[in-house]
């Protein structure tokens, strides 16, 4: 259902229609505890008019090179990166950690949430900077609702949020368990792979 509508909207993008799609998608987020399988990290690197999507798990890595079809527009990040990552994550079974936000988004529809709901997968958002909300202790609030958590795995914090099919505490535990440096190791390695390939394009 989502896939057809998503790619149809991208053929002739209208920001108002894309916003409506985000809001509709966000309403279907599952914030309950779900068993976690294999952990994956995904990231995108850019060079000119091309982008490299990369996916990494403990014993697996893959990438795909695609043309960039959507510009960078704040709060519309999913429409830029999801088409690049789509084939890599579509058949992925397990928990996918994204270098971007989940419900920590003005419309609770960041990259990890859009991917998780559309593909019915367990997803987590990890961002290096705070997109929105108000910090109170270790949590990020928006309209009195908790939308994210601050994790300090190194001297610089990261911001963890629910993508789909996970609780915030579960997502935080998964991220912390995966961190050797600032970000989860699978995400760090996906970043390295994507940039390595992008340099050779």
Protein backbone atom coordinates (compact mmCIF):
# COMPACT_ATOMS: atom_id res chain seq x y z
CA UNK A 1 0.00 0.00 0.00
CA UNK A 2 2.65 2.50 1.10
CA UNK A 3 5.24 1.62 -1.53
CA UNK A 4 3.05 2.41 -4.54
CA UNK A 5 1.84 5.71 -3.08
CA UNK A 6 5.33 6.73 -1.91
CA UNK A 7 6.99 6.31 -5.27
CA UNK A 8 4.02 7.81 -7.11
CA UNK A 9 4.31 10.95 -4.96
CA UNK A 10 8.01 11.18 -5.76
CA UNK A 11 7.42 11.22 -9.51
CA UNK A 12 5.94 14.71 -9.26
CA UNK A 13 6.63 15.83 -5.68
CA UNK A 14 4.41 18.38 -4.02
CA UNK A 15 5.57 19.31 -0.51
CA UNK A 16 2.01 19.62 0.82
CA UNK A 17 1.15 16.12 -0.40
CA UNK A 18 4.41 14.73 0.96
CA UNK A 19 3.61 16.27 4.35
CA UNK A 20 0.18 14.64 4.35
CA UNK A 21 1.83 11.31 3.59
CA UNK A 22 4.24 11.78 6.50
CA UNK A 23 1.41 12.55 8.92
CA UNK A 24 -0.59 9.52 7.74
CA UNK A 25 2.43 7.25 8.07
CA UNK A 26 3.31 8.52 11.55
CA UNK A 27 -0.13 7.58 12.84
CA UNK A 28 0.69 3.91 12.26
CA UNK A 29 3.89 3.73 14.32
CA UNK A 30 4.07 0.69 16.62
CA UNK A 31 5.79 1.71 19.87
CA UNK A 32 5.46 -1.68 21.57
CA UNK A 33 8.25 -4.08 22.50
CA UNK A 34 9.16 -6.47 19.68
CA UNK A 35 11.81 -9.17 19.72
CA UNK A 36 15.07 -8.05 18.10
CA UNK A 37 16.87 -10.20 15.55
CA UNK A 38 20.00 -9.35 13.60
CA UNK A 39 21.09 -5.70 13.86
CA UNK A 40 21.76 -3.71 10.67
CA UNK A 41 23.08 -0.21 10.10
CA UNK A 42 22.36 1.82 6.97
CA UNK A 43 23.79 5.07 5.67
CA UNK A 44 24.04 7.14 2.48
CA UNK A 45 26.99 9.02 0.98
CA UNK A 46 26.84 11.49 -1.89
CA UNK A 47 29.03 12.44 -4.80
CA UNK A 48 27.81 14.81 -7.47
CA UNK A 49 24.42 13.67 -8.73
CA UNK A 50 24.88 10.14 -7.37
CA UNK A 51 24.32 8.55 -3.99
CA UNK A 52 25.60 5.36 -2.41
CA UNK A 53 23.36 3.48 0.00
CA UNK A 54 25.10 0.98 2.25
CA UNK A 55 23.88 -1.68 4.69
CA UNK A 56 26.06 -3.53 7.20
CA UNK A 57 25.48 -6.20 9.85
CA UNK A 58 27.93 -8.36 11.76
CA UNK A 59 28.54 -10.77 8.87
CA UNK A 60 27.04 -8.95 5.91
CA UNK A 61 27.48 -5.81 3.85
CA UNK A 62 26.07 -4.51 0.59
CA UNK A 63 25.66 -1.24 -1.27
CA UNK A 64 23.85 0.28 -4.21
CA UNK A 65 24.61 3.35 -6.33
CA UNK A 66 21.67 5.45 -7.50
CA UNK A 67 20.89 8.82 -9.02
CA UNK A 68 19.75 11.48 -6.54
CA UNK A 69 16.09 12.19 -7.24
CA UNK A 70 15.04 14.47 -4.38
CA UNK A 71 16.83 17.53 -2.93
CA UNK A 72 17.75 17.97 0.70
CA UNK A 73 14.86 19.73 2.43
CA UNK A 74 14.74 19.85 6.21
CA UNK A 75 12.05 17.53 7.70
CA UNK A 76 11.62 15.78 4.31
CA UNK A 77 14.80 13.71 4.67
CA UNK A 78 13.06 10.36 4.12
CA UNK A 79 12.01 11.33 0.61
CA UNK A 80 15.67 11.87 -0.29
CA UNK A 81 17.24 8.80 1.31
CA UNK A 82 14.57 6.10 1.30
CA UNK A 83 14.58 5.62 -2.50
CA UNK A 84 18.36 5.12 -2.29
CA UNK A 85 18.10 2.57 0.52
CA UNK A 86 14.86 0.89 -0.49
CA UNK A 87 16.21 -2.20 -2.28
CA UNK A 88 18.81 -2.77 0.44
CA UNK A 89 16.34 -2.76 3.33
CA UNK A 90 13.20 -4.13 1.69
CA UNK A 91 14.09 -7.80 2.26
CA UNK A 92 16.10 -7.19 5.42
CA UNK A 93 14.93 -9.19 8.44
CA UNK A 94 15.92 -7.77 11.81
CA UNK A 95 16.40 -4.35 13.39
CA UNK A 96 17.64 -1.54 11.17
CA UNK A 97 19.46 1.46 12.66
CA UNK A 98 19.33 4.60 10.53
CA UNK A 99 21.62 7.61 10.55
CA UNK A 100 18.66 9.94 10.99
CA UNK A 101 15.61 10.40 13.19
CA UNK A 102 12.53 8.35 13.87
CA UNK A 103 9.69 10.00 15.78
CA UNK A 104 12.13 12.72 16.90
CA UNK A 105 10.77 14.90 14.10
CA UNK A 106 8.31 17.84 14.00
CA UNK A 107 5.71 15.51 12.49
CA UNK A 108 7.05 12.32 14.13
CA UNK A 109 7.93 11.06 10.66
CA UNK A 110 11.69 10.90 10.35
CA UNK A 111 13.60 8.53 8.08
CA UNK A 112 13.58 5.57 10.50
CA UNK A 113 9.85 5.92 11.14
CA UNK A 114 8.90 6.24 7.48
CA UNK A 115 10.99 3.19 6.58
CA UNK A 116 9.74 1.14 9.52
CA UNK A 117 6.05 1.77 9.00
CA UNK A 118 6.15 1.49 5.21
CA UNK A 119 8.08 -1.77 5.25
CA UNK A 120 6.65 -3.11 8.54
CA UNK A 121 10.11 -3.49 10.08
CA UNK A 122 11.78 -2.79 13.40
CA UNK A 123 13.73 0.45 13.03
CA UNK A 124 15.63 2.92 15.20
CA UNK A 125 16.75 6.47 14.49
CA UNK A 126 20.15 7.74 15.61
CA UNK A 127 21.06 11.40 15.01
CA UNK A 128 24.17 13.39 15.94
CA UNK A 129 22.30 16.68 16.32
CA UNK A 130 18.93 17.63 17.79
CA UNK A 131 16.38 18.36 15.07
CA UNK A 132 13.54 19.54 17.29
CA UNK A 133 12.04 19.28 20.74
CA UNK A 134 13.13 20.34 24.21
CA UNK A 135 15.76 18.59 26.30
CA UNK A 136 14.77 17.69 29.85
CA UNK A 137 17.38 15.50 31.49
CA UNK A 138 18.05 12.52 29.24
CA UNK A 139 14.84 12.87 27.24
CA UNK A 140 13.59 14.99 24.37
CA UNK A 141 10.05 16.34 24.61
CA UNK A 142 7.68 17.76 22.02
CA UNK A 143 4.27 19.03 23.16
CA UNK A 144 4.79 17.27 26.53
CA UNK A 145 5.39 13.94 24.77
CA UNK A 146 8.70 12.07 24.94
CA UNK A 147 10.04 11.67 21.40
CA UNK A 148 13.67 10.77 21.99
CA UNK A 149 16.47 10.01 24.40
CA UNK A 150 19.99 11.36 24.75
CA UNK A 151 22.70 8.68 24.79
CA UNK A 152 26.27 9.51 25.79
CA UNK A 153 28.42 6.66 24.51
CA UNK A 154 31.32 9.11 24.06
CA UNK A 155 31.98 12.76 24.96
CA UNK A 156 29.48 13.86 22.30
CA UNK A 157 25.82 12.83 22.68
CA UNK A 158 23.60 11.12 20.14
CA UNK A 159 19.82 11.27 19.96
CA UNK A 160 17.92 8.00 19.80
CA UNK A 161 14.29 7.69 18.79
CA UNK A 162 11.74 5.04 17.94
CA UNK A 163 11.43 4.22 14.28
CA UNK A 164 8.88 1.43 14.48
CA UNK A 165 8.17 -1.81 16.36
CA UNK A 166 10.35 -0.90 19.34
CA UNK A 167 10.06 0.93 22.66
CA UNK A 168 12.30 3.91 23.38
CA UNK A 169 14.08 2.10 26.22
CA UNK A 170 14.56 -0.99 24.04
CA UNK A 171 15.93 1.19 21.24
CA UNK A 172 18.31 2.91 23.66
CA UNK A 173 19.58 -0.43 24.99
CA UNK A 174 20.15 -1.75 21.45
CA UNK A 175 22.06 1.38 20.47
CA UNK A 176 24.21 1.39 23.61
CA UNK A 177 25.04 -2.30 23.21
CA UNK A 178 26.18 -1.63 19.63
CA UNK A 179 28.38 1.37 20.47
CA UNK A 180 32.15 1.13 20.62
CA UNK A 181 32.60 4.74 19.59
CA UNK A 182 30.00 7.50 19.35
CA UNK A 183 27.47 5.72 17.11
CA UNK A 184 26.47 2.03 16.83
CA UNK A 185 29.20 0.02 15.15
CA UNK A 186 26.97 -1.22 12.31
CA UNK A 187 26.02 2.38 11.53
CA UNK A 188 29.64 3.53 11.68
CA UNK A 189 30.68 0.75 9.29
CA UNK A 190 27.81 1.51 6.90
CA UNK A 191 28.98 5.14 6.86
CA UNK A 192 32.55 4.04 6.08
CA UNK A 193 31.41 1.68 3.31
CA UNK A 194 29.13 4.26 1.67
CA UNK A 195 31.84 6.92 1.69
CA UNK A 196 34.49 4.51 0.44
CA UNK A 197 32.36 3.57 -2.57
CA UNK A 198 31.34 7.22 -3.20
CA UNK A 199 34.98 8.25 -3.48
CA UNK A 200 35.50 5.74 -6.28
CA UNK A 201 32.53 6.83 -8.40
